PDB file of N, CA and C in Angstrom:
ATOM      1  N   MET A   1     -28.754 -19.861  24.101  1.00  0.00           N
ATOM      2  CA  MET A   1     -29.316 -20.909  24.921  1.00  0.00           C
ATOM      3  C   MET A   1     -29.070 -20.536  26.377  1.00  0.00           C
ATOM      4  N   SER A   2     -30.052 -20.748  27.161  1.00  0.00           N
ATOM      5  CA  SER A   2     -29.883 -20.407  28.567  1.00  0.00           C
ATOM      6  C   SER A   2     -28.854 -21.332  29.211  1.00  0.00           C
ATOM      7  N   ARG A   3     -28.276 -20.854  30.260  1.00  0.00           N
ATOM      8  CA  ARG A   3     -27.268 -21.638  30.957  1.00  0.00           C
ATOM      9  C   ARG A   3     -27.839 -22.936  31.514  1.00  0.00           C
ATOM     10  N   MET A   4     -29.080 -22.890  31.908  1.00  0.00           N
ATOM     11  CA  MET A   4     -29.720 -24.078  32.477  1.00  0.00           C
ATOM     12  C   MET A   4     -29.803 -25.209  31.455  1.00  0.00           C
ATOM     13  N   LEU A   5     -30.003 -24.862  30.179  1.00  0.00           N
ATOM     14  CA  LEU A   5     -30.151 -25.880  29.145  1.00  0.00           C
ATOM     15  C   LEU A   5     -28.858 -26.183  28.410  1.00  0.00           C
ATOM     16  N   ALA A   6     -27.835 -25.386  28.624  1.00  0.00           N
ATOM     17  CA  ALA A   6     -26.578 -25.587  27.920  1.00  0.00           C
ATOM     18  C   ALA A   6     -25.912 -26.876  28.386  1.00  0.00           C
ATOM     19  N   LYS A   7     -25.448 -27.635  27.434  1.00  0.00           N
ATOM     20  CA  LYS A   7     -24.808 -28.906  27.755  1.00  0.00           C
ATOM     21  C   LYS A   7     -23.398 -28.663  28.276  1.00  0.00           C
ATOM     22  N   SER A   8     -23.039 -29.348  29.309  1.00  0.00           N
ATOM     23  CA  SER A   8     -21.681 -29.248  29.828  1.00  0.00           C
ATOM     24  C   SER A   8     -20.792 -30.261  29.118  1.00  0.00           C
ATOM     25  N   ARG A   9     -19.526 -30.186  29.336  1.00  0.00           N
ATOM     26  CA  ARG A   9     -18.589 -31.121  28.713  1.00  0.00           C
ATOM     27  C   ARG A   9     -18.812 -32.561  29.181  1.00  0.00           C
ATOM     28  N   THR A  10     -19.416 -32.734  30.333  1.00  0.00           N
ATOM     29  CA  THR A  10     -19.644 -34.083  30.851  1.00  0.00           C
ATOM     30  C   THR A  10     -20.936 -34.696  30.338  1.00  0.00           C
ATOM     31  N   GLY A  11     -21.706 -33.946  29.541  1.00  0.00           N
ATOM     32  CA  GLY A  11     -22.935 -34.481  28.966  1.00  0.00           C
ATOM     33  C   GLY A  11     -24.173 -34.251  29.797  1.00  0.00           C
ATOM     34  N   TYR A  12     -24.085 -33.475  30.867  1.00  0.00           N
ATOM     35  CA  TYR A  12     -25.236 -33.210  31.722  1.00  0.00           C
ATOM     36  C   TYR A  12     -25.855 -31.865  31.394  1.00  0.00           C
ATOM     37  N   TYR A  13     -27.153 -31.766  31.551  1.00  0.00           N
ATOM     38  CA  TYR A  13     -27.879 -30.519  31.349  1.00  0.00           C
ATOM     39  C   TYR A  13     -28.321 -30.013  32.705  1.00  0.00           C
ATOM     40  N   GLY A  14     -27.947 -28.794  33.014  1.00  0.00           N
ATOM     41  CA  GLY A  14     -28.349 -28.237  34.296  1.00  0.00           C
ATOM     42  C   GLY A  14     -27.755 -29.026  35.448  1.00  0.00           C
ATOM     43  N   ARG A  15     -28.446 -28.992  36.548  1.00  0.00           N
ATOM     44  CA  ARG A  15     -27.947 -29.645  37.755  1.00  0.00           C
ATOM     45  C   ARG A  15     -28.153 -31.158  37.735  1.00  0.00           C
ATOM     46  N   TYR A  16     -29.195 -31.602  37.071  1.00  0.00           N
ATOM     47  CA  TYR A  16     -29.513 -33.026  37.035  1.00  0.00           C
ATOM     48  C   TYR A  16     -29.519 -33.471  35.578  1.00  0.00           C
ATOM     49  N   GLY A  17     -30.383 -34.369  35.210  1.00  0.00           N
ATOM     50  CA  GLY A  17     -30.571 -34.748  33.813  1.00  0.00           C
ATOM     51  C   GLY A  17     -29.297 -34.993  33.038  1.00  0.00           C
ATOM     52  N   GLY A  18     -29.450 -35.404  31.806  1.00  0.00           N
ATOM     53  CA  GLY A  18     -28.293 -35.623  30.961  1.00  0.00           C
ATOM     54  C   GLY A  18     -28.404 -36.926  30.208  1.00  0.00           C
ATOM     55  N   ARG A  19     -27.298 -37.389  29.772  1.00  0.00           N
ATOM     56  CA  ARG A  19     -27.237 -38.595  28.954  1.00  0.00           C
ATOM     57  C   ARG A  19     -26.779 -39.750  29.838  1.00  0.00           C
ATOM     58  N   PHE A  20     -27.674 -40.638  30.124  1.00  0.00           N
ATOM     59  CA  PHE A  20     -27.355 -41.803  30.937  1.00  0.00           C
ATOM     60  C   PHE A  20     -27.511 -43.038  30.067  1.00  0.00           C
ATOM     61  N   VAL A  21     -26.409 -43.534  29.565  1.00  0.00           N
ATOM     62  CA  VAL A  21     -26.418 -44.701  28.680  1.00  0.00           C
ATOM     63  C   VAL A  21     -25.303 -45.647  29.119  1.00  0.00           C
ATOM     64  N   PRO A  22     -25.398 -46.898  28.708  1.00  0.00           N
ATOM     65  CA  PRO A  22     -24.312 -47.827  29.017  1.00  0.00           C
ATOM     66  C   PRO A  22     -22.992 -47.313  28.434  1.00  0.00           C
ATOM     67  N   GLU A  23     -21.922 -47.542  29.136  1.00  0.00           N
ATOM     68  CA  GLU A  23     -20.598 -47.073  28.708  1.00  0.00           C
ATOM     69  C   GLU A  23     -20.258 -47.542  27.297  1.00  0.00           C
ATOM     70  N   THR A  24     -20.744 -48.705  26.912  1.00  0.00           N
ATOM     71  CA  THR A  24     -20.447 -49.243  25.584  1.00  0.00           C
ATOM     72  C   THR A  24     -21.080 -48.423  24.467  1.00  0.00           C
ATOM     73  N   LEU A  25     -22.073 -47.592  24.776  1.00  0.00           N
ATOM     74  CA  LEU A  25     -22.733 -46.777  23.752  1.00  0.00           C
ATOM     75  C   LEU A  25     -22.204 -45.351  23.672  1.00  0.00           C
ATOM     76  N   VAL A  26     -21.378 -44.943  24.598  1.00  0.00           N
ATOM     77  CA  VAL A  26     -20.916 -43.554  24.649  1.00  0.00           C
ATOM     78  C   VAL A  26     -20.203 -43.159  23.359  1.00  0.00           C
ATOM     79  N   ALA A  27     -19.292 -43.974  22.862  1.00  0.00           N
ATOM     80  CA  ALA A  27     -18.548 -43.638  21.642  1.00  0.00           C
ATOM     81  C   ALA A  27     -19.490 -43.499  20.446  1.00  0.00           C
ATOM     82  N   ALA A  28     -20.456 -44.398  20.332  1.00  0.00           N
ATOM     83  CA  ALA A  28     -21.408 -44.330  19.221  1.00  0.00           C
ATOM     84  C   ALA A  28     -22.258 -43.068  19.309  1.00  0.00           C
ATOM     85  N   LEU A  29     -22.702 -42.707  20.504  1.00  0.00           N
ATOM     86  CA  LEU A  29     -23.502 -41.491  20.659  1.00  0.00           C
ATOM     87  C   LEU A  29     -22.674 -40.240  20.406  1.00  0.00           C
ATOM     88  N   ASP A  30     -21.403 -40.264  20.767  1.00  0.00           N
ATOM     89  CA  ASP A  30     -20.522 -39.133  20.460  1.00  0.00           C
ATOM     90  C   ASP A  30     -20.383 -38.968  18.951  1.00  0.00           C
ATOM     91  N   GLU A  31     -20.291 -40.081  18.226  1.00  0.00           N
ATOM     92  CA  GLU A  31     -20.198 -40.043  16.770  1.00  0.00           C
ATOM     93  C   GLU A  31     -21.479 -39.480  16.155  1.00  0.00           C
ATOM     94  N   VAL A  32     -22.626 -39.895  16.660  1.00  0.00           N
ATOM     95  CA  VAL A  32     -23.907 -39.369  16.179  1.00  0.00           C
ATOM     96  C   VAL A  32     -23.983 -37.868  16.443  1.00  0.00           C
ATOM     97  N   GLU A  33     -23.544 -37.447  17.615  1.00  0.00           N
ATOM     98  CA  GLU A  33     -23.565 -36.022  17.949  1.00  0.00           C
ATOM     99  C   GLU A  33     -22.687 -35.218  16.988  1.00  0.00           C
ATOM    100  N   ARG A  34     -21.490 -35.721  16.693  1.00  0.00           N
ATOM    101  CA  ARG A  34     -20.596 -35.012  15.757  1.00  0.00           C
ATOM    102  C   ARG A  34     -21.230 -34.909  14.374  1.00  0.00           C
ATOM    103  N   ALA A  35     -21.849 -35.994  13.905  1.00  0.00           N
ATOM    104  CA  ALA A  35     -22.496 -35.984  12.595  1.00  0.00           C
ATOM    105  C   ALA A  35     -23.658 -35.002  12.569  1.00  0.00           C
ATOM    106  N   PHE A  36     -24.428 -34.939  13.647  1.00  0.00           N
ATOM    107  CA  PHE A  36     -25.552 -34.011  13.729  1.00  0.00           C
ATOM    108  C   PHE A  36     -25.074 -32.567  13.677  1.00  0.00           C
ATOM    109  N   VAL A  37     -24.043 -32.259  14.443  1.00  0.00           N
ATOM    110  CA  VAL A  37     -23.510 -30.889  14.463  1.00  0.00           C
ATOM    111  C   VAL A  37     -22.993 -30.512  13.079  1.00  0.00           C
ATOM    112  N   GLU A  38     -22.311 -31.438  12.421  1.00  0.00           N
ATOM    113  CA  GLU A  38     -21.802 -31.178  11.074  1.00  0.00           C
ATOM    114  C   GLU A  38     -22.951 -30.966  10.085  1.00  0.00           C
ATOM    115  N   ALA A  39     -23.979 -31.789  10.167  1.00  0.00           N
ATOM    116  CA  ALA A  39     -25.123 -31.672   9.258  1.00  0.00           C
ATOM    117  C   ALA A  39     -25.862 -30.355   9.468  1.00  0.00           C
ATOM    118  N   ARG A  40     -25.949 -29.898  10.698  1.00  0.00           N
ATOM    119  CA  ARG A  40     -26.620 -28.617  10.977  1.00  0.00           C
ATOM    120  C   ARG A  40     -25.937 -27.457  10.276  1.00  0.00           C
ATOM    121  N   ARG A  41     -24.650 -27.563  10.055  1.00  0.00           N
ATOM    122  CA  ARG A  41     -23.888 -26.478   9.424  1.00  0.00           C
ATOM    123  C   ARG A  41     -23.811 -26.615   7.901  1.00  0.00           C
ATOM    124  N   ASP A  42     -24.228 -27.738   7.360  1.00  0.00           N
ATOM    125  CA  ASP A  42     -24.087 -28.037   5.937  1.00  0.00           C
ATOM    126  C   ASP A  42     -25.276 -27.481   5.151  1.00  0.00           C
ATOM    127  N   ARG A  43     -25.019 -26.485   4.321  1.00  0.00           N
ATOM    128  CA  ARG A  43     -26.097 -25.852   3.542  1.00  0.00           C
ATOM    129  C   ARG A  43     -26.716 -26.818   2.532  1.00  0.00           C
ATOM    130  N   LYS A  44     -25.895 -27.656   1.921  1.00  0.00           N
ATOM    131  CA  LYS A  44     -26.422 -28.621   0.951  1.00  0.00           C
ATOM    132  C   LYS A  44     -27.369 -29.607   1.633  1.00  0.00           C
ATOM    133  N   PHE A  45     -27.000 -30.035   2.816  1.00  0.00           N
ATOM    134  CA  PHE A  45     -27.861 -30.950   3.569  1.00  0.00           C
ATOM    135  C   PHE A  45     -29.187 -30.279   3.894  1.00  0.00           C
ATOM    136  N   LYS A  46     -29.133 -29.040   4.352  1.00  0.00           N
ATOM    137  CA  LYS A  46     -30.358 -28.309   4.687  1.00  0.00           C
ATOM    138  C   LYS A  46     -31.239 -28.123   3.462  1.00  0.00           C
ATOM    139  N   ALA A  47     -30.626 -27.899   2.308  1.00  0.00           N
ATOM    140  CA  ALA A  47     -31.392 -27.705   1.080  1.00  0.00           C
ATOM    141  C   ALA A  47     -32.161 -28.974   0.701  1.00  0.00           C
ATOM    142  N   GLN A  48     -31.626 -30.129   1.053  1.00  0.00           N
ATOM    143  CA  GLN A  48     -32.288 -31.398   0.735  1.00  0.00           C
ATOM    144  C   GLN A  48     -33.488 -31.665   1.629  1.00  0.00           C
ATOM    145  N   LEU A  49     -33.533 -30.999   2.764  1.00  0.00           N
ATOM    146  CA  LEU A  49     -34.643 -31.236   3.687  1.00  0.00           C
ATOM    147  C   LEU A  49     -35.865 -30.653   3.117  1.00  0.00           C
TER     148      LEU A  49
END
């Protein structure tokens, strides 16, 4: 992935852009992100697609 599109630890992409959500949703979105990353690595999950 190019550096411009790589996500930083703060959730921003490149110089601008990023994830701008209410603070109350940050934990839920972090949980969704973790589940997505885990599912991407799961061969059984991919086989079901």
